[in-house]
C-alpha atoms as a PDB file:
ATOM      1  CA  UNK A   1     -51.803  22.432   6.738  1.00  0.00           C
ATOM      2  CA  UNK A   2     -49.061  21.244   4.422  1.00  0.00           C
ATOM      3  CA  UNK A   3     -49.333  17.692   5.754  1.00  0.00           C
ATOM      4  CA  UNK A   4     -53.080  17.642   5.097  1.00  0.00           C
ATOM      5  CA  UNK A   5     -52.560  18.853   1.526  1.00  0.00           C
ATOM      6  CA  UNK A   6     -49.928  16.184   0.908  1.00  0.00           C
ATOM      7  CA  UNK A   7     -52.158  13.449   2.353  1.00  0.00           C
ATOM      8  CA  UNK A   8     -55.074  14.678   0.236  1.00  0.00           C
ATOM      9  CA  UNK A   9     -52.781  14.607  -2.786  1.00  0.00           C
ATOM     10  CA  UNK A  10     -51.752  11.014  -2.105  1.00  0.00           C
ATOM     11  CA  UNK A  11     -55.361   9.882  -1.617  1.00  0.00           C
ATOM     12  CA  UNK A  12     -56.682  11.736  -4.663  1.00  0.00           C
ATOM     13  CA  UNK A  13     -53.803  10.597  -6.895  1.00  0.00           C
ATOM     14  CA  UNK A  14     -54.250   6.984  -5.774  1.00  0.00           C
ATOM     15  CA  UNK A  15     -57.977   7.177  -6.409  1.00  0.00           C
ATOM     16  CA  UNK A  16     -57.318   8.753  -9.812  1.00  0.00           C
ATOM     17  CA  UNK A  17     -54.929   5.936 -10.747  1.00  0.00           C
ATOM     18  CA  UNK A  18     -57.389   3.244  -9.671  1.00  0.00           C
ATOM     19  CA  UNK A  19     -60.398   4.810 -11.374  1.00  0.00           C
ATOM     20  CA  UNK A  20     -58.330   5.618 -14.452  1.00  0.00           C
ATOM     21  CA  UNK A  21     -57.136   2.018 -14.749  1.00  0.00           C
ATOM     22  CA  UNK A  22     -60.725   0.813 -14.424  1.00  0.00           C
ATOM     23  CA  UNK A  23     -61.698   3.393 -17.048  1.00  0.00           C
ATOM     24  CA  UNK A  24     -59.097   2.025 -19.453  1.00  0.00           C
ATOM     25  CA  UNK A  25     -60.378  -1.489 -18.850  1.00  0.00           C
ATOM     26  CA  UNK A  26     -63.943  -0.309 -19.390  1.00  0.00           C
ATOM     27  CA  UNK A  27     -62.997   1.053 -22.828  1.00  0.00           C
ATOM     28  CA  UNK A  28     -61.525  -2.324 -23.736  1.00  0.00           C
ATOM     29  CA  UNK A  29     -64.577  -4.097 -22.319  1.00  0.00           C
ATOM     30  CA  UNK A  30     -66.901  -1.817 -24.303  1.00  0.00           C
ATOM     31  CA  UNK A  31     -64.994  -2.625 -27.487  1.00  0.00           C
ATOM     32  CA  UNK A  32     -65.306  -6.358 -26.818  1.00  0.00           C
ATOM     33  CA  UNK A  33     -69.006  -6.049 -25.985  1.00  0.00           C
ATOM     34  CA  UNK A  34     -69.762  -4.110 -29.171  1.00  0.00           C
ATOM     35  CA  UNK A  35     -67.755  -6.626 -31.216  1.00  0.00           C
ATOM     36  CA  UNK A  36     -69.594  -9.518 -29.576  1.00  0.00           C
ATOM     37  CA  UNK A  37     -72.924  -7.830 -30.328  1.00  0.00           C
ATOM     38  CA  UNK A  38     -72.038  -7.365 -33.994  1.00  0.00           C
ATOM     39  CA  UNK A  39     -70.867 -10.968 -34.348  1.00  0.00           C
ATOM     40  CA  UNK A  40     -73.911 -12.328 -32.510  1.00  0.00           C
ATOM     41  CA  UNK A  41     -76.331 -10.364 -34.668  1.00  0.00           C
ATOM     42  CA  UNK A  42     -74.666 -10.530 -38.096  1.00  0.00           C
ATOM     43  CA  UNK A  43     -73.016 -13.939 -38.008  1.00  0.00           C
ATOM     44  CA  UNK A  44     -75.341 -15.971 -35.821  1.00  0.00           C
ATOM     45  CA  UNK A  45     -78.552 -13.972 -36.259  1.00  0.00           C
ATOM     46  CA  UNK A  46     -79.057 -13.667 -32.495  1.00  0.00           C
ATOM     47  CA  UNK A  47     -80.928 -10.806 -30.915  1.00  0.00           C
ATOM     48  CA  UNK A  48     -78.879  -8.462 -28.773  1.00  0.00           C
ATOM     49  CA  UNK A  49     -80.578  -6.489 -26.026  1.00  0.00           C
ATOM     50  CA  UNK A  50     -77.850  -5.525 -23.595  1.00  0.00           C
ATOM     51  CA  UNK A  51     -74.650  -4.880 -25.556  1.00  0.00           C
ATOM     52  CA  UNK A  52     -75.180  -1.283 -26.665  1.00  0.00           C
ATOM     53  CA  UNK A  53     -76.465  -0.107 -23.304  1.00  0.00           C
ATOM     54  CA  UNK A  54     -73.684  -1.865 -21.385  1.00  0.00           C
ATOM     55  CA  UNK A  55     -71.035  -0.393 -23.669  1.00  0.00           C
ATOM     56  CA  UNK A  56     -72.541   3.086 -23.272  1.00  0.00           C
ATOM     57  CA  UNK A  57     -72.453   2.705 -19.470  1.00  0.00           C
ATOM     58  CA  UNK A  58     -68.792   1.651 -19.660  1.00  0.00           C
ATOM     59  CA  UNK A  59     -67.914   4.600 -21.886  1.00  0.00           C
ATOM     60  CA  UNK A  60     -69.737   7.009 -19.556  1.00  0.00           C
ATOM     61  CA  UNK A  61     -67.595   5.640 -16.747  1.00  0.00           C
ATOM     62  CA  UNK A  62     -64.395   6.024 -18.775  1.00  0.00           C
ATOM     63  CA  UNK A  63     -65.275   9.585 -19.731  1.00  0.00           C
ATOM     64  CA  UNK A  64     -66.419  10.975 -16.400  1.00  0.00           C
ATOM     65  CA  UNK A  65     -64.380   8.963 -13.918  1.00  0.00           C
ATOM     66  CA  UNK A  66     -61.252   8.637 -16.073  1.00  0.00           C
ATOM     67  CA  UNK A  67     -61.010  12.421 -16.433  1.00  0.00           C
ATOM     68  CA  UNK A  68     -59.204  12.749 -13.089  1.00  0.00           C
ATOM     69  CA  UNK A  69     -56.312  10.601 -14.313  1.00  0.00           C
ATOM     70  CA  UNK A  70     -56.035  12.707 -17.464  1.00  0.00           C
ATOM     71  CA  UNK A  71     -55.966  15.865 -15.329  1.00  0.00           C
ATOM     72  CA  UNK A  72     -53.378  14.423 -12.978  1.00  0.00           C
ATOM     73  CA  UNK A  73     -50.991  13.897 -15.901  1.00  0.00           C
ATOM     74  CA  UNK A  74     -52.074  17.131 -17.647  1.00  0.00           C
ATOM     75  CA  UNK A  75     -53.265  15.177 -20.688  1.00  0.00           C
ATOM     76  CA  UNK A  76     -56.501  17.041 -21.293  1.00  0.00           C
ATOM     77  CA  UNK A  77     -56.790  18.634 -24.684  1.00  0.00           C
ATOM     78  CA  UNK A  78     -55.808  22.270 -24.718  1.00  0.00           C
ATOM     79  CA  UNK A  79     -56.140  25.003 -27.282  1.00  0.00           C
ATOM     80  CA  UNK A  80     -52.672  26.489 -27.107  1.00  0.00           C
ATOM     81  CA  UNK A  81     -53.049  29.167 -29.763  1.00  0.00           C
ATOM     82  CA  UNK A  82     -52.632  32.056 -27.316  1.00  0.00           C
ATOM     83  CA  UNK A  83     -50.956  30.454 -24.328  1.00  0.00           C
ATOM     84  CA  UNK A  84     -47.808  29.367 -26.210  1.00  0.00           C
ATOM     85  CA  UNK A  85     -46.997  33.018 -26.866  1.00  0.00           C
ATOM     86  CA  UNK A  86     -47.075  33.991 -23.181  1.00  0.00           C
ATOM     87  CA  UNK A  87     -44.048  34.132 -20.923  1.00  0.00           C
ATOM     88  CA  UNK A  88     -43.635  31.043 -18.705  1.00  0.00           C
ATOM     89  CA  UNK A  89     -44.745  32.896 -15.556  1.00  0.00           C
ATOM     90  CA  UNK A  90     -47.873  34.374 -17.137  1.00  0.00           C
ATOM     91  CA  UNK A  91     -48.638  31.020 -18.762  1.00  0.00           C
ATOM     92  CA  UNK A  92     -48.502  29.248 -15.383  1.00  0.00           C
ATOM     93  CA  UNK A  93     -50.737  31.903 -13.786  1.00  0.00           C
ATOM     94  CA  UNK A  94     -53.177  31.514 -16.681  1.00  0.00           C
ATOM     95  CA  UNK A  95     -53.197  27.737 -16.177  1.00  0.00           C
ATOM     96  CA  UNK A  96     -53.964  28.237 -12.480  1.00  0.00           C
ATOM     97  CA  UNK A  97     -56.851  30.611 -13.251  1.00  0.00           C
ATOM     98  CA  UNK A  98     -58.291  28.263 -15.889  1.00  0.00           C
ATOM     99  CA  UNK A  99     -57.904  25.349 -13.465  1.00  0.00           C
ATOM    100  CA  UNK A 100     -59.767  27.272 -10.757  1.00  0.00           C
ATOM    101  CA  UNK A 101     -62.644  27.938 -13.158  1.00  0.00           C
ATOM    102  CA  UNK A 102     -62.645  24.270 -14.237  1.00  0.00           C
ATOM    103  CA  UNK A 103     -62.585  23.182 -10.595  1.00  0.00           C
ATOM    104  CA  UNK A 104     -65.618  25.358  -9.858  1.00  0.00           C
ATOM    105  CA  UNK A 105     -67.489  23.911 -12.841  1.00  0.00           C
ATOM    106  CA  UNK A 106     -66.700  20.350 -11.684  1.00  0.00           C
ATOM    107  CA  UNK A 107     -67.885  21.216  -8.193  1.00  0.00           C
ATOM    108  CA  UNK A 108     -71.162  22.638  -9.505  1.00  0.00           C
ATOM    109  CA  UNK A 109     -71.809  19.602 -11.727  1.00  0.00           C
ATOM    110  CA  UNK A 110     -71.042  17.242  -8.830  1.00  0.00           C
ATOM    111  CA  UNK A 111     -73.207  19.265  -6.445  1.00  0.00           C
ATOM    112  CA  UNK A 112     -76.246  18.966  -8.703  1.00  0.00           C
ATOM    113  CA  UNK A 113     -75.539  15.416  -9.911  1.00  0.00           C
ATOM    114  CA  UNK A 114     -75.391  13.765  -6.468  1.00  0.00           C
ATOM    115  CA  UNK A 115     -79.119  14.441  -5.794  1.00  0.00           C
ATOM    116  CA  UNK A 116     -79.963  13.199  -9.307  1.00  0.00           C
ATOM    117  CA  UNK A 117     -78.166   9.932  -8.537  1.00  0.00           C
ATOM    118  CA  UNK A 118     -79.829   9.596  -5.138  1.00  0.00           C
ATOM    119  CA  UNK A 119     -83.259  10.209  -6.654  1.00  0.00           C
ATOM    120  CA  UNK A 120     -82.638   7.377  -9.140  1.00  0.00           C
ATOM    121  CA  UNK A 121     -81.678   5.115  -6.222  1.00  0.00           C
ATOM    122  CA  UNK A 122     -84.736   6.010  -4.152  1.00  0.00           C
ATOM    123  CA  UNK A 123     -87.196   5.747  -7.055  1.00  0.00           C
ATOM    124  CA  UNK A 124     -85.487   2.567  -8.300  1.00  0.00           C
ATOM    125  CA  UNK A 125     -85.378   3.944 -11.845  1.00  0.00           C
ATOM    126  CA  UNK A 126     -84.600   1.471 -14.599  1.00  0.00           C
ATOM    127  CA  UNK A 127     -83.784   1.875 -18.263  1.00  0.00           C
ATOM    128  CA  UNK A 128     -86.730   1.458 -20.616  1.00  0.00           C
ATOM    129  CA  UNK A 129     -84.894  -1.083 -22.744  1.00  0.00           C
ATOM    130  CA  UNK A 130     -85.688  -4.792 -22.705  1.00  0.00           C
ATOM    131  CA  UNK A 131     -82.621  -5.347 -20.549  1.00  0.00           C
ATOM    132  CA  UNK A 132     -83.753  -2.671 -18.070  1.00  0.00           C
ATOM    133  CA  UNK A 133     -80.676  -2.102 -15.888  1.00  0.00           C
ATOM    134  CA  UNK A 134     -80.993   0.256 -12.923  1.00  0.00           C
ATOM    135  CA  UNK A 135     -80.149   3.834 -13.878  1.00  0.00           C
ATOM    136  CA  UNK A 136     -78.421   4.632 -10.599  1.00  0.00           C
ATOM    137  CA  UNK A 137     -75.345   2.874 -11.994  1.00  0.00           C
ATOM    138  CA  UNK A 138     -74.580   5.274 -14.876  1.00  0.00           C
ATOM    139  CA  UNK A 139     -75.989   8.180 -12.863  1.00  0.00           C
ATOM    140  CA  UNK A 140     -73.394   7.452 -10.165  1.00  0.00           C
ATOM    141  CA  UNK A 141     -70.505   7.873 -12.602  1.00  0.00           C
ATOM    142  CA  UNK A 142     -71.254  11.556 -13.209  1.00  0.00           C
ATOM    143  CA  UNK A 143     -71.168  12.918  -9.647  1.00  0.00           C
ATOM    144  CA  UNK A 144     -68.434  10.505  -8.573  1.00  0.00           C
ATOM    145  CA  UNK A 145     -66.253  11.370 -11.547  1.00  0.00           C
ATOM    146  CA  UNK A 146     -66.823  15.105 -11.164  1.00  0.00           C
ATOM    147  CA  UNK A 147     -66.063  14.886  -7.438  1.00  0.00           C
ATOM    148  CA  UNK A 148     -62.778  13.061  -8.048  1.00  0.00           C
ATOM    149  CA  UNK A 149     -61.920  15.548 -10.817  1.00  0.00           C
ATOM    150  CA  UNK A 150     -62.789  18.430  -8.456  1.00  0.00           C
ATOM    151  CA  UNK A 151     -60.347  17.128  -5.858  1.00  0.00           C
ATOM    152  CA  UNK A 152     -57.743  16.406  -8.549  1.00  0.00           C
ATOM    153  CA  UNK A 153     -57.997  20.054  -9.605  1.00  0.00           C
ATOM    154  CA  UNK A 154     -57.529  21.105  -5.959  1.00  0.00           C
ATOM    155  CA  UNK A 155     -54.326  19.037  -5.809  1.00  0.00           C
ATOM    156  CA  UNK A 156     -53.153  20.402  -9.182  1.00  0.00           C
ATOM    157  CA  UNK A 157     -53.885  24.040  -8.258  1.00  0.00           C
ATOM    158  CA  UNK A 158     -52.174  23.665  -4.880  1.00  0.00           C
ATOM    159  CA  UNK A 159     -49.086  22.189  -6.536  1.00  0.00           C
ATOM    160  CA  UNK A 160     -48.987  24.891  -9.240  1.00  0.00           C
ATOM    161  CA  UNK A 161     -49.337  27.709  -6.700  1.00  0.00           C
ATOM    162  CA  UNK A 162     -46.595  26.212  -4.509  1.00  0.00           C
ATOM    163  CA  UNK A 163     -44.276  26.033  -7.540  1.00  0.00           C
ATOM    164  CA  UNK A 164     -45.113  29.626  -8.487  1.00  0.00           C
ATOM    165  CA  UNK A 165     -44.332  30.795  -4.930  1.00  0.00           C
ATOM    166  CA  UNK A 166     -40.948  29.066  -5.163  1.00  0.00           C
ATOM    167  CA  UNK A 167     -40.332  30.793  -8.481  1.00  0.00           C
ATOM    168  CA  UNK A 168     -40.299  27.531 -10.388  1.00  0.00           C
ATOM    169  CA  UNK A 169     -42.135  27.821 -13.675  1.00  0.00           C
ATOM    170  CA  UNK A 170     -42.319  25.529 -16.662  1.00  0.00           C
ATOM    171  CA  UNK A 171     -39.976  25.883 -19.568  1.00  0.00           C
ATOM    172  CA  UNK A 172     -40.775  27.951 -22.638  1.00  0.00           C
ATOM    173  CA  UNK A 173     -43.693  26.631 -24.634  1.00  0.00           C
ATOM    174  CA  UNK A 174     -42.746  25.336 -28.041  1.00  0.00           C
ATOM    175  CA  UNK A 175     -44.656  26.826 -30.933  1.00  0.00           C
ATOM    176  CA  UNK A 176     -45.269  24.434 -33.759  1.00  0.00           C
END
């Protein structure tokens, strides 16, 4: 069982790195696209029909699919008002419980988003803009991202529980 968990961890972490790197590039690409749209419209007086929608699609990708990389490195925003006052052991147990709840939420969102994506594929839904890109593309980012984040939480929870069983807990939280 331990070998399977380690292999899952390697696969999920690799996937999180790849999707996170693409997410970072998509943020940069969205910034360039928006800048190009502003320059085209304001400087050259050209009509822009695809820039805003493309940048929104890229930012949806970065948000939903890039979340797994943030979770892997524990870089999600936290409200630490209460948790910094807990002992290290209780704090780690609290983080595990919160991660389990978050994992369940990601699983539920993914579970219901996959059929939404498939329905957009089958119906060949397109955006109502002049550009009219297929909607299965941004719809795919939600279930895919939530699925990767779900598995990243599984890896994180497994690692945290293993450390707790060994008696290894994080250092004291620093209060600001």
